[in-house]
Protein backbone atom coordinates (compact mmCIF):
# COMPACT_ATOMS: atom_id res chain seq x y z
CA MET A 1 -37.44 -14.04 15.85
CA ALA A 2 -37.05 -13.32 12.18
CA THR A 3 -33.82 -11.77 11.01
CA PRO A 4 -34.29 -8.36 9.31
CA TYR A 5 -34.31 -8.54 5.56
CA PRO A 6 -30.76 -7.75 4.34
CA GLY A 7 -32.14 -5.45 1.69
CA ASN A 8 -33.22 -2.99 4.38
CA VAL A 9 -29.65 -2.59 5.58
CA THR A 10 -27.20 -0.56 3.53
CA PRO A 11 -24.10 -2.74 3.07
CA MET A 12 -20.73 -1.22 3.83
CA ALA A 13 -18.45 -0.80 0.85
CA PRO A 14 -15.34 -2.94 1.08
CA PRO A 15 -11.98 -1.17 1.24
CA ALA A 16 -10.56 -0.13 -2.10
CA GLN A 17 -7.51 -2.30 -1.70
CA ASP A 18 -9.70 -5.39 -1.28
CA ASN A 19 -11.18 -4.84 -4.73
CA ALA A 20 -7.84 -4.80 -6.45
CA ALA A 21 -6.01 -8.08 -6.86
CA ALA A 22 -2.43 -8.13 -5.66
CA PRO A 23 0.13 -8.19 -8.49
CA ILE A 24 1.18 -11.68 -9.51
CA VAL A 25 4.90 -12.27 -8.92
CA ARG A 26 6.48 -14.65 -11.41
CA THR A 27 9.57 -16.80 -11.06
CA ILE A 28 12.41 -15.72 -13.34
CA GLY A 29 15.87 -17.01 -14.16
CA LEU A 30 19.27 -15.56 -14.88
CA SER A 31 18.42 -15.51 -18.58
CA ASP A 32 15.62 -13.05 -17.81
CA VAL A 33 18.07 -10.75 -16.04
CA HIS A 34 20.34 -10.91 -19.07
CA GLN A 35 17.45 -10.16 -21.40
CA ALA A 36 16.36 -7.21 -19.25
CA LEU A 37 19.85 -5.75 -19.59
CA ARG A 38 19.81 -6.35 -23.34
CA LEU A 39 16.44 -4.65 -23.74
CA GLY A 40 17.62 -1.79 -21.54
CA TRP A 41 20.61 -1.34 -23.82
CA GLU A 42 18.31 -1.30 -26.84
CA ASP A 43 16.23 1.44 -25.20
CA PHE A 44 19.35 3.44 -24.45
CA LYS A 45 20.55 3.16 -28.04
CA ALA A 46 17.12 4.22 -29.29
CA VAL A 47 17.00 7.40 -27.18
CA PRO A 48 20.59 8.07 -26.11
CA SER A 49 20.42 11.86 -26.15
CA HIS A 50 17.30 11.90 -23.99
CA ALA A 51 18.74 9.45 -21.51
CA ILE A 52 22.02 11.36 -21.17
CA ILE A 53 20.17 14.66 -20.73
CA LEU A 54 18.06 13.10 -17.98
CA CYS A 55 21.10 11.67 -16.22
CA VAL A 56 23.68 14.40 -16.75
CA ILE A 57 23.11 15.38 -13.14
CA TYR A 58 24.90 12.22 -12.06
CA PRO A 59 28.36 12.95 -13.47
CA VAL A 60 27.96 16.60 -12.52
CA LEU A 61 27.03 15.62 -8.98
CA GLY A 62 29.89 13.15 -8.91
CA LEU A 63 32.40 15.82 -9.89
CA VAL A 64 31.00 18.18 -7.27
CA ILE A 65 31.24 15.44 -4.66
CA ALA A 66 34.83 14.66 -5.64
CA ARG A 67 35.80 18.35 -5.50
CA THR A 68 34.10 18.80 -2.15
CA VAL A 69 35.80 15.75 -0.73
CA LEU A 70 39.26 16.77 -1.88
CA GLY A 71 38.75 20.39 -0.92
CA TYR A 72 37.39 19.87 2.58
CA SER A 73 39.50 16.87 3.67
CA VAL A 74 36.66 14.40 3.95
CA LEU A 75 38.26 11.91 1.60
CA PRO A 76 36.95 8.85 3.52
CA LEU A 77 33.40 9.74 2.41
CA LEU A 78 34.18 9.59 -1.31
CA PHE A 79 33.51 5.87 -1.65
CA PRO A 80 30.35 5.87 0.54
CA LEU A 81 28.95 8.78 -1.46
CA ALA A 82 29.67 7.03 -4.75
CA ALA A 83 28.18 3.78 -3.47
CA GLY A 84 25.11 5.71 -2.36
CA PHE A 85 24.08 6.15 -5.99
CA ALA A 86 22.74 2.60 -5.78
CA LEU A 87 20.33 3.72 -3.05
CA LEU A 88 18.98 6.77 -4.88
CA GLY A 89 19.10 5.40 -8.42
CA PRO A 90 15.67 3.70 -8.47
CA PHE A 91 13.93 7.00 -7.71
CA ALA A 92 16.08 9.13 -9.98
CA ALA A 93 15.34 6.83 -12.93
CA LEU A 94 11.61 7.59 -12.99
CA GLY A 95 11.85 9.37 -16.33
CA LEU A 96 13.73 6.43 -17.81
CA TYR A 97 10.95 4.04 -16.80
CA GLU A 98 8.49 6.28 -18.61
CA LEU A 99 10.62 6.28 -21.76
CA SER A 100 10.85 2.49 -21.72
CA ARG A 101 7.11 2.20 -21.08
CA ARG A 102 6.33 4.42 -24.06
CA ARG A 103 8.78 2.66 -26.33
CA GLU A 104 7.31 -0.70 -25.29
CA ALA A 105 3.85 0.60 -26.22
CA ARG A 106 5.24 1.91 -29.54
CA GLN A 107 4.56 5.50 -28.55
CA GLN A 108 6.71 8.55 -29.08
CA ALA A 109 9.53 8.75 -26.54
CA SER A 110 11.21 12.09 -25.98
CA ALA A 111 12.73 14.00 -23.10
CA TRP A 112 9.48 15.92 -22.65
CA ASP A 113 7.52 12.65 -22.45
CA ALA A 114 9.76 11.54 -19.59
CA VAL A 115 8.47 14.47 -17.54
CA ASP A 116 4.99 12.91 -17.73
CA VAL A 117 5.83 10.91 -14.61
CA LEU A 118 4.96 14.10 -12.74
CA ARG A 119 1.35 13.62 -13.90
CA SER A 120 1.11 10.06 -12.65
CA PRO A 121 -1.70 9.52 -10.10
CA SER A 122 0.84 7.76 -7.90
CA PHE A 123 3.56 10.42 -8.11
CA GLY A 124 2.95 11.27 -4.46
CA ALA A 125 3.67 7.67 -3.54
CA MET A 126 6.82 7.73 -5.69
CA LEU A 127 7.94 10.89 -3.92
CA GLY A 128 7.28 9.27 -0.55
CA LEU A 129 9.39 6.21 -1.37
CA GLY A 130 12.06 8.46 -2.87
CA THR A 131 12.19 10.37 0.41
CA LEU A 132 12.62 7.07 2.23
CA LEU A 133 15.54 6.15 -0.02
CA LEU A 134 17.07 9.59 0.56
CA ALA A 135 16.83 9.06 4.31
CA LEU A 136 18.46 5.66 3.82
CA PHE A 137 21.26 7.31 1.84
CA VAL A 138 21.89 9.93 4.53
CA THR A 139 21.89 7.23 7.21
CA TRP A 140 24.40 5.19 5.21
CA VAL A 141 26.79 8.13 4.82
CA ALA A 142 26.56 8.93 8.54
CA THR A 143 27.17 5.26 9.38
CA ALA A 144 30.17 5.09 7.05
CA GLN A 145 31.63 8.19 8.71
CA ALA A 146 31.13 6.63 12.14
CA ILE A 147 32.87 3.42 11.04
CA TYR A 148 35.87 5.41 9.75
CA VAL A 149 36.08 7.41 12.98
CA ALA A 150 35.96 4.17 14.98
CA ALA A 151 38.91 2.86 12.97
CA PHE A 152 41.16 5.94 12.63
CA GLY A 153 39.71 8.65 14.85
CA TYR A 154 39.08 12.22 13.73
CA GLU A 155 42.54 12.82 12.24
CA ALA A 156 42.13 13.64 8.55
CA ALA A 157 44.25 11.97 5.87
CA ALA A 158 46.95 14.15 4.34
CA GLY A 159 45.96 13.14 0.84
CA ILE A 160 45.03 10.26 -1.40
CA PRO A 161 48.35 8.37 -0.95
CA ASP A 162 48.11 8.69 2.83
CA PHE A 163 44.48 7.58 2.82
CA ALA A 164 45.22 4.59 0.58
CA SER A 165 48.13 3.59 2.82
CA ARG A 166 45.94 3.74 5.90
CA VAL A 167 43.20 1.62 4.41
CA LEU A 168 45.30 -0.99 2.59
CA THR A 169 48.33 -1.51 4.83
CA THR A 170 47.05 -1.35 8.41
CA PRO A 171 44.90 -3.68 10.54
CA GLN A 172 42.49 -0.81 11.13
CA GLY A 173 42.19 -0.37 7.38
CA TRP A 174 41.30 -3.98 6.77
CA TRP A 175 38.77 -3.82 9.61
CA LEU A 176 37.31 -0.73 7.95
CA ILE A 177 37.03 -2.54 4.62
CA VAL A 178 35.32 -5.61 6.11
CA VAL A 179 32.91 -3.74 8.40
CA GLY A 180 32.22 -0.96 5.89
CA CYS A 181 31.50 -3.31 3.00
CA GLY A 182 29.38 -5.55 5.21
CA THR A 183 27.33 -2.61 6.46
CA GLY A 184 27.01 -1.20 2.96
CA PHE A 185 25.78 -4.58 1.77
CA LEU A 186 22.97 -4.49 4.35
CA PHE A 187 21.92 -1.00 3.23
CA ALA A 188 22.01 -2.05 -0.42
CA LEU A 189 20.02 -5.20 0.34
CA LEU A 190 17.34 -3.18 2.11
CA ALA A 191 17.11 -0.73 -0.79
CA LEU A 192 16.94 -3.58 -3.30
CA CYS A 193 14.16 -5.34 -1.41
CA VAL A 194 11.88 -2.31 -1.11
CA SER A 195 12.51 -0.71 -4.51
CA VAL A 196 13.56 -3.23 -7.16
CA VAL A 197 10.14 -3.14 -8.84
CA SER A 198 8.34 -0.55 -6.68
CA PHE A 199 8.69 2.51 -8.89
CA PRO A 200 7.80 0.76 -12.17
CA LEU A 201 4.79 -0.78 -10.40
CA MET A 202 3.61 2.62 -9.17
CA LEU A 203 4.09 4.10 -12.61
CA ASP A 204 2.37 1.22 -14.40
CA ARG A 205 -0.50 0.45 -12.03
CA HIS A 206 -0.66 3.60 -9.87
CA ALA A 207 -0.06 1.45 -6.78
CA GLY A 208 0.38 2.90 -3.32
CA VAL A 209 3.78 2.97 -1.67
CA GLY A 210 2.88 0.21 0.80
CA ASP A 211 1.58 -2.17 -1.86
CA ALA A 212 4.58 -1.44 -4.09
CA MET A 213 7.09 -2.15 -1.32
CA VAL A 214 5.34 -5.37 -0.30
CA THR A 215 5.26 -6.54 -3.92
CA SER A 216 8.95 -5.71 -4.31
CA ILE A 217 9.82 -7.74 -1.21
CA ARG A 218 7.72 -10.64 -2.54
CA ALA A 219 9.60 -10.45 -5.84
CA VAL A 220 12.97 -10.67 -4.09
CA ALA A 221 11.81 -13.50 -1.82
CA ARG A 222 10.53 -15.53 -4.78
CA ASN A 223 13.61 -14.93 -6.93
CA PRO A 224 16.57 -14.71 -4.52
CA VAL A 225 19.28 -15.82 -6.95
CA PRO A 226 18.25 -13.66 -9.94
CA MET A 227 17.70 -10.65 -7.66
CA ALA A 228 21.04 -11.16 -5.95
CA THR A 229 22.64 -11.35 -9.38
CA TRP A 230 20.84 -8.17 -10.39
CA GLY A 231 22.12 -6.41 -7.27
CA LEU A 232 25.69 -7.49 -8.00
CA ILE A 233 25.38 -6.30 -11.60
CA VAL A 234 24.08 -2.92 -10.42
CA ALA A 235 26.94 -2.57 -7.93
CA ALA A 236 29.58 -3.59 -10.47
CA LEU A 237 28.30 -1.23 -13.17
CA LEU A 238 28.08 1.66 -10.73
CA VAL A 239 31.69 1.06 -9.68
CA LEU A 240 32.80 0.96 -13.32
CA GLY A 241 30.82 4.09 -14.09
CA SER A 242 32.31 5.93 -11.12
CA LEU A 243 35.95 5.19 -11.94
CA PRO A 244 36.53 7.77 -14.71
CA LEU A 245 35.48 10.77 -12.56
CA PHE A 246 31.88 9.49 -12.51
CA LEU A 247 31.45 10.26 -16.21
CA GLY A 248 30.57 6.66 -16.98
CA LEU A 249 27.39 7.08 -14.94
CA ALA A 250 25.93 9.00 -17.89
CA VAL A 251 25.72 5.60 -19.61
CA VAL A 252 25.38 3.27 -16.63
CA ILE A 253 22.41 5.04 -15.02
CA PRO A 254 20.28 5.11 -18.20
CA LEU A 255 21.13 1.47 -18.91
CA LEU A 256 20.14 0.36 -15.43
CA GLY A 257 17.02 2.52 -15.46
CA HIS A 258 15.74 1.07 -18.72
CA ALA A 259 16.73 -2.45 -17.70
CA THR A 260 14.86 -2.08 -14.40
CA TRP A 261 11.65 -1.47 -16.32
CA HIS A 262 12.15 -4.65 -18.35
CA LEU A 263 13.07 -6.60 -15.21
CA TYR A 264 9.77 -5.42 -13.73
CA ARG A 265 7.97 -6.74 -16.80
CA LYS A 266 9.66 -10.10 -16.35
CA VAL A 267 8.85 -10.39 -12.64
CA ILE A 268 5.32 -8.95 -12.46
CA ALA A 269 2.52 -10.44 -14.56
CA PRO A 270 0.63 -7.93 -16.76
CA ASP A 271 -2.31 -6.12 -15.22
CA PRO A 272 -5.56 -7.66 -16.54
CA ASN A 273 -7.38 -4.35 -15.98
CA PRO A 274 -4.97 -1.56 -16.90
CA ARG A 275 -5.94 1.96 -15.91
CA PRO A 276 -4.91 4.47 -18.58
CA ILE A 277 -3.56 7.88 -17.63
CA PRO A 278 -5.66 10.77 -19.02
CA PRO A 279 -4.07 12.38 -22.10
CA ARG A 280 -1.95 15.43 -21.56
CA PRO A 281 -3.90 18.63 -22.33
CA GLN A 282 -2.89 20.50 -25.45
CA ARG A 283 -0.74 23.52 -24.76
CA GLU A 284 -1.90 26.77 -26.31
CA ARG A 285 0.59 28.23 -28.73
CA ARG A 286 1.60 31.75 -27.80
CA SER A 287 3.74 34.37 -29.43
CA ALA A 288 6.30 36.66 -27.88
CA ALA A 289 3.83 39.54 -28.26
CA ASP A 290 1.64 37.95 -25.58
CA PHE A 291 4.25 38.61 -22.91
CA PRO A 292 3.67 39.67 -20.14
CA ALA A 293 -0.10 39.16 -20.56
CA ALA A 294 0.50 35.38 -20.86
CA LEU A 295 1.44 35.36 -17.19
CA PHE A 296 -2.16 36.28 -16.28
CA PRO A 297 -4.43 33.86 -18.23
CA TRP A 298 -7.51 34.65 -16.14
CA ARG A 299 -7.47 38.26 -17.36
CA ARG A 300 -7.54 37.10 -20.98
CA LYS A 301 -10.56 34.91 -20.24
CA ASP A 302 -12.42 37.85 -18.71
CA GLY A 303 -11.52 39.98 -21.66
CA ALA A 304 -9.85 42.52 -19.39
């Protein structure tokens, strides 16, 4: 019996993800990590005011956290909260990736341009991964609190000297340091694996959250030593930035954000078929005399 002619059957379209080639992960060295940091520093020097404006929330949040901790006798959470910046930083640096992308393309880079990440076709995916990192941060803080309670119970420290004495001069304190740092390392490793290049990839190629996370894990698996070095550098800089009342984060966060973009460029091969983002629509200039009519644009179009 003859097989029906294939032309009479409407072929099924392949899934969209099958049409797009997976990003090519390259092997990098420690020199590439150093160069990414250098280029990130160059970006920060080129747009320092914009970067600090974007990241001023970090020192402000740090001061609020410190005041809350000291005021409500939850001093043991100060270090876990500060360390948690490493978990949330990749998402909070979205605007910095956009600035580095524009500067790399020799385009204008300003604070307003950084807000263009909100127009990215993959912003929903970025928000989804950011929510995942936030959940990871909350879980880490709850875990750190549970570890402290397991070591010292629910009795609050009388102050910073008492807390330091507990942690540094008692067997329970040393157990807390070992277990807490080991657990924090696992949280940081998980965050590094799923986000080291995820957000730049979503911004650059409009990738979905699943594809971005898989690519990030592939990048870490292919470059374990450089990525481990990058994680240690991030942790060390965050500690240094947190020491002077978190004010140093106003420099550390922009530096790491810009450097992450350049690290992404080192690890992921360029897209052979880039998809440009549509240009931002021109905003109509309005005068103060238009208020409050400017709040109702549809009435102006109808001539009412």
